[in-house]
Amino acid sequence: MRDTTTVGLITPEPDHPLLAATTELLSREHRVVTVHPETADAAVIGSLADVYLLKSRTPRALALARDLESRGAAVINSAEATSLCQDRTAMAERARDAGLPFSATRTFGSLAEFAADAGPARPLVVKSRHSRRHDLVARVDGPDRLAELAGAWADEPVVAQEFAENNGYDHKLWVIDGTVFAALRRSELAPEGRGPTVPLALGELPCGWAELVVEVGAVFGLDVYGVDVIDTGDGIPLIVDINAFPGIRGQAGAPEALAALALRRARAVVAAV
């Protein structure tokens, strides 16, 4: 491989802490370029970067990534894997088919359609079917709450998952190329609302959880991703969400792992030419 590698960042926020720190590491010997997904056009991009990091999940970002892949570019994560994690119905089906402990999920064409049913017989978590910023994620304990949400989100396609009793905290588990990082955060569904994210040593995770989240990457074809897991008692895990290329803030070693992944993938692409 030539001495200098070019890494492209597909993102509207190159100053995101994880990307900024990764850029600082890579820029010592390599070249980093930012590609804004809302304004860039793959057809007019000249020489391809050796590898691209897809840190955006908008429709235009996914379309750009697909176009770059069609020209032979390496993209982390792939457009297909990223898109899969945007559809909570497809995500649940893939996870359950693979035997992962994922929340049982029902899909409705709209929240109004769901509200028109008899209503929940037990607490549920209702989420937008399509994951995005500022989407719907809410606990529903009865018809009144469901009707309230339907007033604001009537046409929103949704999924419904049974609320699993837990201690009120989400285990935020992140993986970069097989390396696991962890934190604990009070859930937005807890009575007190979302709390701060506190780093967690891997040794504090229940037995088998680190291996479980690594398996998620193999199932979904992801290299950089996050898995939200709750403890339903005695260390029994339940996966409630999977995210492609999350923020991974405040995790020592994460920028180094991401930089190493980008360079490793770039070397693999060059070696295959």
C-alpha atoms as a PDB file:
ATOM      1  CA  MET A   1       0.000   0.000   0.000  1.00  0.00           C
ATOM      2  CA  ARG A   2       1.145   3.531  -0.729  1.00  0.00           C
ATOM      3  CA  ASP A   3       2.419   5.493   2.260  1.00  0.00           C
ATOM      4  CA  THR A   4      -0.592   7.794   2.613  1.00  0.00           C
ATOM      5  CA  THR A   5      -4.146   6.519   3.020  1.00  0.00           C
ATOM      6  CA  THR A   6      -7.161   8.725   2.287  1.00  0.00           C
ATOM      7  CA  VAL A   7     -10.105   8.296   4.641  1.00  0.00           C
ATOM      8  CA  GLY A   8     -13.430   9.901   3.746  1.00  0.00           C
ATOM      9  CA  LEU A   9     -15.901  10.924   6.443  1.00  0.00           C
ATOM     10  CA  ILE A  10     -19.503  10.865   5.213  1.00  0.00           C
ATOM     11  CA  THR A  11     -20.993  13.169   7.816  1.00  0.00           C
ATOM     12  CA  PRO A  12     -22.471  16.638   8.311  1.00  0.00           C
ATOM     13  CA  GLU A  13     -20.629  16.828  11.657  1.00  0.00           C
ATOM     14  CA  PRO A  14     -16.887  16.198  11.252  1.00  0.00           C
ATOM     15  CA  ASP A  15     -16.398  17.901  14.629  1.00  0.00           C
ATOM     16  CA  HIS A  16     -18.267  15.127  16.444  1.00  0.00           C
ATOM     17  CA  PRO A  17     -15.942  14.131  19.318  1.00  0.00           C
ATOM     18  CA  LEU A  18     -15.356  10.584  18.058  1.00  0.00           C
ATOM     19  CA  LEU A  19     -14.699  11.694  14.486  1.00  0.00           C
ATOM     20  CA  ALA A  20     -12.600  14.680  15.514  1.00  0.00           C
ATOM     21  CA  ALA A  21     -10.360  12.536  17.714  1.00  0.00           C
ATOM     22  CA  THR A  22     -10.081   9.872  15.007  1.00  0.00           C
ATOM     23  CA  THR A  23      -9.216  12.527  12.441  1.00  0.00           C
ATOM     24  CA  GLU A  24      -6.495  13.913  14.703  1.00  0.00           C
ATOM     25  CA  LEU A  25      -4.927  10.453  14.953  1.00  0.00           C
ATOM     26  CA  LEU A  26      -5.159   9.686  11.249  1.00  0.00           C
ATOM     27  CA  SER A  27      -3.995  13.117  10.086  1.00  0.00           C
ATOM     28  CA  ARG A  28      -0.552  12.600  11.547  1.00  0.00           C
ATOM     29  CA  GLU A  29       0.347  10.359   8.614  1.00  0.00           C
ATOM     30  CA  HIS A  30      -2.716  10.143   6.404  1.00  0.00           C
ATOM     31  CA  ARG A  31      -5.308  12.310   4.676  1.00  0.00           C
ATOM     32  CA  VAL A  32      -8.868  12.774   5.944  1.00  0.00           C
ATOM     33  CA  VAL A  33     -11.558  14.395   3.800  1.00  0.00           C
ATOM     34  CA  THR A  34     -15.130  15.250   4.767  1.00  0.00           C
ATOM     35  CA  VAL A  35     -17.989  14.476   2.399  1.00  0.00           C
ATOM     36  CA  HIS A  36     -21.212  16.245   3.399  1.00  0.00           C
ATOM     37  CA  PRO A  37     -23.993  13.767   2.600  1.00  0.00           C
ATOM     38  CA  GLU A  38     -26.640  16.393   1.941  1.00  0.00           C
ATOM     39  CA  THR A  39     -24.637  18.294  -0.674  1.00  0.00           C
ATOM     40  CA  ALA A  40     -22.183  15.803  -2.175  1.00  0.00           C
ATOM     41  CA  ASP A  41     -22.847  14.010  -5.444  1.00  0.00           C
ATOM     42  CA  ALA A  42     -21.094  10.683  -5.959  1.00  0.00           C
ATOM     43  CA  ALA A  43     -21.179  11.216  -9.713  1.00  0.00           C
ATOM     44  CA  VAL A  44     -18.911  14.261  -9.476  1.00  0.00           C
ATOM     45  CA  ILE A  45     -16.582  13.018  -6.742  1.00  0.00           C
ATOM     46  CA  GLY A  46     -13.201  12.514  -8.383  1.00  0.00           C
ATOM     47  CA  SER A  47     -10.726  10.020  -7.019  1.00  0.00           C
ATOM     48  CA  LEU A  48     -12.248   7.741  -4.413  1.00  0.00           C
ATOM     49  CA  ALA A  49     -10.926   7.666  -0.882  1.00  0.00           C
ATOM     50  CA  ASP A  50      -9.380   4.366   0.190  1.00  0.00           C
ATOM     51  CA  VAL A  51     -12.173   3.917   2.710  1.00  0.00           C
ATOM     52  CA  TYR A  52     -15.229   5.865   3.854  1.00  0.00           C
ATOM     53  CA  LEU A  53     -16.746   6.062   7.342  1.00  0.00           C
ATOM     54  CA  LEU A  54     -20.527   6.437   7.081  1.00  0.00           C
ATOM     55  CA  LYS A  55     -21.498   8.540  10.116  1.00  0.00           C
ATOM     56  CA  SER A  56     -24.917   9.608   8.857  1.00  0.00           C
ATOM     57  CA  ARG A  57     -28.161   7.745   8.340  1.00  0.00           C
ATOM     58  CA  THR A  58     -30.260  10.128   6.270  1.00  0.00           C
ATOM     59  CA  PRO A  59     -31.743   8.963   2.958  1.00  0.00           C
ATOM     60  CA  ARG A  60     -29.241  11.111   1.031  1.00  0.00           C
ATOM     61  CA  ALA A  61     -26.332   9.688   3.037  1.00  0.00           C
ATOM     62  CA  LEU A  62     -27.439   6.139   2.302  1.00  0.00           C
ATOM     63  CA  ALA A  63     -27.907   6.930  -1.384  1.00  0.00           C
ATOM     64  CA  LEU A  64     -24.432   8.480  -1.523  1.00  0.00           C
ATOM     65  CA  ALA A  65     -22.905   5.443   0.187  1.00  0.00           C
ATOM     66  CA  ARG A  66     -24.615   3.100  -2.280  1.00  0.00           C
ATOM     67  CA  ASP A  67     -23.325   5.129  -5.205  1.00  0.00           C
ATOM     68  CA  LEU A  68     -19.782   5.063  -3.831  1.00  0.00           C
ATOM     69  CA  GLU A  69     -20.014   1.317  -3.228  1.00  0.00           C
ATOM     70  CA  SER A  70     -21.180   0.821  -6.823  1.00  0.00           C
ATOM     71  CA  ARG A  71     -17.918   2.504  -7.906  1.00  0.00           C
ATOM     72  CA  GLY A  72     -15.915   0.060  -5.815  1.00  0.00           C
ATOM     73  CA  ALA A  73     -15.456   2.130  -2.657  1.00  0.00           C
ATOM     74  CA  ALA A  74     -15.186   0.515   0.765  1.00  0.00           C
ATOM     75  CA  VAL A  75     -17.764   1.980   3.169  1.00  0.00           C
ATOM     76  CA  ILE A  76     -17.955   1.368   6.935  1.00  0.00           C
ATOM     77  CA  ASN A  77     -20.714   0.437   7.696  1.00  0.00           C
ATOM     78  CA  SER A  78     -22.146  -0.606   4.354  1.00  0.00           C
ATOM     79  CA  ALA A  79     -25.266   1.166   3.116  1.00  0.00           C
ATOM     80  CA  GLU A  80     -27.176  -2.132   3.321  1.00  0.00           C
ATOM     81  CA  ALA A  81     -26.239  -2.796   6.947  1.00  0.00           C
ATOM     82  CA  THR A  82     -26.941   0.796   7.937  1.00  0.00           C
ATOM     83  CA  SER A  83     -30.328   0.745   6.230  1.00  0.00           C
ATOM     84  CA  LEU A  84     -31.270  -2.503   7.956  1.00  0.00           C
ATOM     85  CA  CYS A  85     -30.804  -0.839  11.342  1.00  0.00           C
ATOM     86  CA  GLN A  86     -33.094   2.024  10.313  1.00  0.00           C
ATOM     87  CA  ASP A  87     -36.100  -0.286   9.976  1.00  0.00           C
ATOM     88  CA  ARG A  88     -37.057  -1.614  13.400  1.00  0.00           C
ATOM     89  CA  THR A  89     -39.339  -4.256  11.876  1.00  0.00           C
ATOM     90  CA  ALA A  90     -36.581  -5.684   9.688  1.00  0.00           C
ATOM     91  CA  MET A  91     -34.132  -5.358  12.585  1.00  0.00           C
ATOM     92  CA  ALA A  92     -36.355  -7.392  14.895  1.00  0.00           C
ATOM     93  CA  GLU A  93     -36.932 -10.063  12.263  1.00  0.00           C
ATOM     94  CA  ARG A  94     -33.216 -10.448  11.542  1.00  0.00           C
ATOM     95  CA  ALA A  95     -32.364 -10.597  15.245  1.00  0.00           C
ATOM     96  CA  ARG A  96     -35.055 -13.104  16.155  1.00  0.00           C
ATOM     97  CA  ASP A  97     -34.240 -15.311  13.139  1.00  0.00           C
ATOM     98  CA  ALA A  98     -30.620 -15.405  14.333  1.00  0.00           C
ATOM     99  CA  GLY A  99     -31.663 -16.428  17.831  1.00  0.00           C
ATOM    100  CA  LEU A 100     -30.658 -13.163  19.477  1.00  0.00           C
ATOM    101  CA  PRO A 101     -32.580 -12.169  22.633  1.00  0.00           C
ATOM    102  CA  PHE A 102     -34.480  -9.296  21.010  1.00  0.00           C
ATOM    103  CA  SER A 103     -37.772  -7.765  22.138  1.00  0.00           C
ATOM    104  CA  ALA A 104     -40.811  -9.341  20.510  1.00  0.00           C
ATOM    105  CA  THR A 105     -42.026  -6.737  18.023  1.00  0.00           C
ATOM    106  CA  ARG A 106     -45.344  -6.039  16.292  1.00  0.00           C
ATOM    107  CA  THR A 107     -45.690  -3.578  13.421  1.00  0.00           C
ATOM    108  CA  PHE A 108     -48.546  -1.219  12.591  1.00  0.00           C
ATOM    109  CA  GLY A 109     -48.999   0.944   9.517  1.00  0.00           C
ATOM    110  CA  SER A 110     -49.758   3.946  11.708  1.00  0.00           C
ATOM    111  CA  LEU A 111     -50.159   4.824  15.354  1.00  0.00           C
ATOM    112  CA  ALA A 112     -53.798   5.663  14.650  1.00  0.00           C
ATOM    113  CA  GLU A 113     -54.285   2.090  13.411  1.00  0.00           C
ATOM    114  CA  PHE A 114     -52.761   0.731  16.609  1.00  0.00           C
ATOM    115  CA  ALA A 115     -54.856   3.076  18.779  1.00  0.00           C
ATOM    116  CA  ALA A 116     -58.005   1.903  17.019  1.00  0.00           C
ATOM    117  CA  ASP A 117     -57.439  -1.585  18.460  1.00  0.00           C
ATOM    118  CA  ALA A 118     -58.677  -2.473  21.929  1.00  0.00           C
ATOM    119  CA  GLY A 119     -55.565  -0.923  23.450  1.00  0.00           C
ATOM    120  CA  PRO A 120     -52.674  -2.480  25.363  1.00  0.00           C
ATOM    121  CA  ALA A 121     -53.512  -5.097  27.965  1.00  0.00           C
ATOM    122  CA  ARG A 122     -50.087  -4.561  29.562  1.00  0.00           C
ATOM    123  CA  PRO A 123     -47.381  -1.882  29.398  1.00  0.00           C
ATOM    124  CA  LEU A 124     -45.814  -1.467  25.968  1.00  0.00           C
ATOM    125  CA  VAL A 125     -43.023   0.498  24.397  1.00  0.00           C
ATOM    126  CA  VAL A 126     -44.110   2.191  21.179  1.00  0.00           C
ATOM    127  CA  LYS A 127     -41.442   3.353  18.734  1.00  0.00           C
ATOM    128  CA  SER A 128     -41.316   4.828  15.266  1.00  0.00           C
ATOM    129  CA  ARG A 129     -40.790   1.993  12.810  1.00  0.00           C
ATOM    130  CA  HIS A 130     -38.076   4.010  11.070  1.00  0.00           C
ATOM    131  CA  SER A 131     -35.248   5.022  13.413  1.00  0.00           C
ATOM    132  CA  ARG A 132     -34.120   8.639  13.070  1.00  0.00           C
ATOM    133  CA  ARG A 133     -33.381  11.684  15.174  1.00  0.00           C
ATOM    134  CA  HIS A 134     -36.317  12.839  17.299  1.00  0.00           C
ATOM    135  CA  ASP A 135     -38.377   9.765  16.501  1.00  0.00           C
ATOM    136  CA  LEU A 136     -41.085   8.380  18.758  1.00  0.00           C
ATOM    137  CA  VAL A 137     -40.055   6.238  21.729  1.00  0.00           C
ATOM    138  CA  ALA A 138     -42.606   6.113  24.540  1.00  0.00           C
ATOM    139  CA  ARG A 139     -43.996   3.848  27.223  1.00  0.00           C
ATOM    140  CA  VAL A 140     -47.725   3.189  26.991  1.00  0.00           C
ATOM    141  CA  ASP A 141     -49.546   1.898  30.054  1.00  0.00           C
ATOM    142  CA  GLY A 142     -53.083   2.187  28.791  1.00  0.00           C
ATOM    143  CA  PRO A 143     -55.543   3.507  26.180  1.00  0.00           C
ATOM    144  CA  ASP A 144     -55.408   7.102  27.446  1.00  0.00           C
ATOM    145  CA  ARG A 145     -51.671   7.400  26.873  1.00  0.00           C
ATOM    146  CA  LEU A 146     -52.002   5.710  23.501  1.00  0.00           C
ATOM    147  CA  ALA A 147     -54.729   8.158  22.456  1.00  0.00           C
ATOM    148  CA  GLU A 148     -52.542  11.054  23.597  1.00  0.00           C
ATOM    149  CA  LEU A 149     -49.652   9.880  21.434  1.00  0.00           C
ATOM    150  CA  ALA A 150     -51.961   9.215  18.488  1.00  0.00           C
ATOM    151  CA  GLY A 151     -53.054  12.834  18.628  1.00  0.00           C
ATOM    152  CA  ALA A 152     -49.532  13.945  17.795  1.00  0.00           C
ATOM    153  CA  TRP A 153     -48.256  10.964  15.778  1.00  0.00           C
ATOM    154  CA  ALA A 154     -51.390   9.613  14.090  1.00  0.00           C
ATOM    155  CA  ASP A 155     -49.791   8.797  10.716  1.00  0.00           C
ATOM    156  CA  GLU A 156     -46.484   7.516  12.102  1.00  0.00           C
ATOM    157  CA  PRO A 157     -45.675   3.866  11.231  1.00  0.00           C
ATOM    158  CA  VAL A 158     -44.811   2.236  14.553  1.00  0.00           C
ATOM    159  CA  VAL A 159     -43.660  -0.926  16.259  1.00  0.00           C
ATOM    160  CA  ALA A 160     -44.881  -2.077  19.650  1.00  0.00           C
ATOM    161  CA  GLN A 161     -42.817  -4.101  22.112  1.00  0.00           C
ATOM    162  CA  GLU A 162     -43.933  -5.470  25.458  1.00  0.00           C
ATOM    163  CA  PHE A 163     -42.345  -3.507  28.270  1.00  0.00           C
ATOM    164  CA  ALA A 164     -39.894  -5.784  30.078  1.00  0.00           C
ATOM    165  CA  GLU A 165     -39.448  -5.145  33.782  1.00  0.00           C
ATOM    166  CA  ASN A 166     -35.906  -4.012  34.529  1.00  0.00           C
ATOM    167  CA  ASN A 167     -33.931  -1.785  36.875  1.00  0.00           C
ATOM    168  CA  GLY A 168     -34.540   1.321  34.777  1.00  0.00           C
ATOM    169  CA  TYR A 169     -31.075   1.436  33.213  1.00  0.00           C
ATOM    170  CA  ASP A 170     -29.935   0.769  29.660  1.00  0.00           C
ATOM    171  CA  HIS A 171     -26.588  -0.853  29.089  1.00  0.00           C
ATOM    172  CA  LYS A 172     -25.121   1.090  26.185  1.00  0.00           C
ATOM    173  CA  LEU A 173     -22.749  -1.341  24.502  1.00  0.00           C
ATOM    174  CA  TRP A 174     -20.676  -0.261  21.524  1.00  0.00           C
ATOM    175  CA  VAL A 175     -18.420  -2.266  19.240  1.00  0.00           C
ATOM    176  CA  ILE A 176     -15.669  -1.099  16.894  1.00  0.00           C
ATOM    177  CA  ASP A 177     -14.175  -3.941  14.862  1.00  0.00           C
ATOM    178  CA  GLY A 178     -14.786  -6.462  17.644  1.00  0.00           C
ATOM    179  CA  THR A 179     -13.634  -4.240  20.523  1.00  0.00           C
ATOM    180  CA  VAL A 180     -16.424  -3.686  23.061  1.00  0.00           C
ATOM    181  CA  PHE A 181     -17.032  -0.473  25.003  1.00  0.00           C
ATOM    182  CA  ALA A 182     -19.706  -0.072  27.656  1.00  0.00           C
ATOM    183  CA  ALA A 183     -21.656   2.486  29.644  1.00  0.00           C
ATOM    184  CA  LEU A 184     -24.747   2.639  31.826  1.00  0.00           C
ATOM    185  CA  ARG A 185     -27.537   5.194  31.395  1.00  0.00           C
ATOM    186  CA  ARG A 186     -30.893   5.630  33.086  1.00  0.00           C
ATOM    187  CA  SER A 187     -33.504   4.902  30.446  1.00  0.00           C
ATOM    188  CA  GLU A 188     -35.639   7.605  28.905  1.00  0.00           C
ATOM    189  CA  LEU A 189     -38.563   5.338  29.841  1.00  0.00           C
ATOM    190  CA  ALA A 190     -37.696   5.445  33.563  1.00  0.00           C
ATOM    191  CA  PRO A 191     -39.996   7.596  35.753  1.00  0.00           C
ATOM    192  CA  GLU A 192     -37.139  10.063  36.337  1.00  0.00           C
ATOM    193  CA  GLY A 193     -36.353  10.292  32.613  1.00  0.00           C
ATOM    194  CA  ARG A 194     -33.027   9.834  30.875  1.00  0.00           C
ATOM    195  CA  GLY A 195     -29.934  10.160  33.019  1.00  0.00           C
ATOM    196  CA  PRO A 196     -26.260  10.754  32.288  1.00  0.00           C
ATOM    197  CA  THR A 197     -24.131   8.158  30.518  1.00  0.00           C
ATOM    198  CA  VAL A 198     -21.543   6.642  32.861  1.00  0.00           C
ATOM    199  CA  PRO A 199     -18.623   4.552  31.502  1.00  0.00           C
ATOM    200  CA  LEU A 200     -18.733   0.920  32.594  1.00  0.00           C
ATOM    201  CA  ALA A 201     -15.830  -1.508  32.818  1.00  0.00           C
ATOM    202  CA  LEU A 202     -16.331  -4.665  30.767  1.00  0.00           C
ATOM    203  CA  GLY A 203     -15.716  -6.707  33.909  1.00  0.00           C
ATOM    204  CA  GLU A 204     -18.902  -5.224  35.351  1.00  0.00           C
ATOM    205  CA  LEU A 205     -21.056  -6.675  32.567  1.00  0.00           C
ATOM    206  CA  PRO A 206     -22.986  -9.892  33.226  1.00  0.00           C
ATOM    207  CA  CYS A 207     -21.320 -13.019  31.908  1.00  0.00           C
ATOM    208  CA  GLY A 208     -21.671 -13.462  28.151  1.00  0.00           C
ATOM    209  CA  TRP A 209     -22.912  -9.974  27.313  1.00  0.00           C
ATOM    210  CA  ALA A 210     -19.714  -8.833  25.580  1.00  0.00           C
ATOM    211  CA  GLU A 211     -19.747 -11.943  23.393  1.00  0.00           C
ATOM    212  CA  LEU A 212     -23.438 -11.346  22.638  1.00  0.00           C
ATOM    213  CA  VAL A 213     -22.897  -7.852  21.266  1.00  0.00           C
ATOM    214  CA  VAL A 214     -19.983  -9.015  19.123  1.00  0.00           C
ATOM    215  CA  GLU A 215     -22.320 -11.646  17.653  1.00  0.00           C
ATOM    216  CA  VAL A 216     -24.766  -8.867  16.754  1.00  0.00           C
ATOM    217  CA  GLY A 217     -22.162  -7.412  14.400  1.00  0.00           C
ATOM    218  CA  ALA A 218     -21.796 -10.703  12.569  1.00  0.00           C
ATOM    219  CA  VAL A 219     -25.569 -11.074  12.235  1.00  0.00           C
ATOM    220  CA  PHE A 220     -26.095  -7.545  10.905  1.00  0.00           C
ATOM    221  CA  GLY A 221     -22.888  -7.102   8.921  1.00  0.00           C
ATOM    222  CA  LEU A 222     -21.768  -4.166  11.085  1.00  0.00           C
ATOM    223  CA  ASP A 223     -18.268  -3.037  12.031  1.00  0.00           C
ATOM    224  CA  VAL A 224     -19.172   0.030  14.129  1.00  0.00           C
ATOM    225  CA  TYR A 225     -22.430  -0.154  16.048  1.00  0.00           C
ATOM    226  CA  GLY A 226     -24.263   0.160  19.322  1.00  0.00           C
ATOM    227  CA  VAL A 227     -26.552  -2.259  21.114  1.00  0.00           C
ATOM    228  CA  ASP A 228     -28.965  -1.209  23.860  1.00  0.00           C
ATOM    229  CA  VAL A 229     -29.442  -4.038  26.343  1.00  0.00           C
ATOM    230  CA  ILE A 230     -31.524  -4.238  29.515  1.00  0.00           C
ATOM    231  CA  ASP A 231     -31.126  -6.691  32.366  1.00  0.00           C
ATOM    232  CA  THR A 232     -34.451  -8.453  32.872  1.00  0.00           C
ATOM    233  CA  GLY A 233     -33.194 -10.148  36.028  1.00  0.00           C
ATOM    234  CA  ASP A 234     -30.259 -12.331  37.073  1.00  0.00           C
ATOM    235  CA  GLY A 235     -28.160 -10.983  34.199  1.00  0.00           C
ATOM    236  CA  ILE A 236     -30.572 -12.164  31.507  1.00  0.00           C
ATOM    237  CA  PRO A 237     -30.135  -9.771  28.552  1.00  0.00           C
ATOM    238  CA  LEU A 238     -32.820  -8.345  26.296  1.00  0.00           C
ATOM    239  CA  ILE A 239     -31.760  -6.326  23.246  1.00  0.00           C
ATOM    240  CA  VAL A 240     -34.070  -3.372  22.687  1.00  0.00           C
ATOM    241  CA  ASP A 241     -32.258  -1.494  19.912  1.00  0.00           C
ATOM    242  CA  ILE A 242     -29.299  -1.673  17.511  1.00  0.00           C
ATOM    243  CA  ASN A 243     -27.700   1.397  15.946  1.00  0.00           C
ATOM    244  CA  ALA A 244     -25.238   1.681  13.087  1.00  0.00           C
ATOM    245  CA  PHE A 245     -22.280   3.994  13.831  1.00  0.00           C
ATOM    246  CA  PRO A 246     -23.490   5.677  17.040  1.00  0.00           C
ATOM    247  CA  GLY A 247     -21.682   8.514  18.806  1.00  0.00           C
ATOM    248  CA  ILE A 248     -19.596   6.478  21.270  1.00  0.00           C
ATOM    249  CA  ARG A 249     -18.685   9.487  23.395  1.00  0.00           C
ATOM    250  CA  GLY A 250     -16.258   9.454  26.281  1.00  0.00           C
ATOM    251  CA  GLN A 251     -14.903   5.954  25.684  1.00  0.00           C
ATOM    252  CA  ALA A 252     -11.144   5.667  26.105  1.00  0.00           C
ATOM    253  CA  GLY A 253      -9.606   3.856  23.147  1.00  0.00           C
ATOM    254  CA  ALA A 254     -12.570   4.306  20.792  1.00  0.00           C
ATOM    255  CA  PRO A 255     -10.854   6.785  18.423  1.00  0.00           C
ATOM    256  CA  GLU A 256      -7.784   4.536  18.271  1.00  0.00           C
ATOM    257  CA  ALA A 257      -9.944   1.514  17.443  1.00  0.00           C
ATOM    258  CA  LEU A 258     -11.799   3.422  14.721  1.00  0.00           C
ATOM    259  CA  ALA A 259      -8.592   4.735  13.158  1.00  0.00           C
ATOM    260  CA  ALA A 260      -7.110   1.223  13.159  1.00  0.00           C
ATOM    261  CA  LEU A 261     -10.252  -0.186  11.542  1.00  0.00           C
ATOM    262  CA  ALA A 262     -10.183   2.427   8.776  1.00  0.00           C
ATOM    263  CA  LEU A 263      -6.539   1.721   7.973  1.00  0.00           C
ATOM    264  CA  ARG A 264      -7.010  -2.046   8.104  1.00  0.00           C
ATOM    265  CA  ARG A 265      -9.932  -1.911   5.705  1.00  0.00           C
ATOM    266  CA  ALA A 266      -8.055   0.417   3.379  1.00  0.00           C
ATOM    267  CA  ARG A 267      -5.078  -1.987   3.296  1.00  0.00           C
ATOM    268  CA  ALA A 268      -7.415  -4.870   2.493  1.00  0.00           C
ATOM    269  CA  VAL A 269      -8.934  -2.949  -0.423  1.00  0.00           C
ATOM    270  CA  VAL A 270      -5.521  -2.030  -1.866  1.00  0.00           C
ATOM    271  CA  ALA A 271      -4.236  -5.595  -1.431  1.00  0.00           C
ATOM    272  CA  ALA A 272      -7.218  -6.931  -3.360  1.00  0.00           C
ATOM    273  CA  VAL A 273      -6.581  -4.673  -6.375  1.00  0.00           C
END
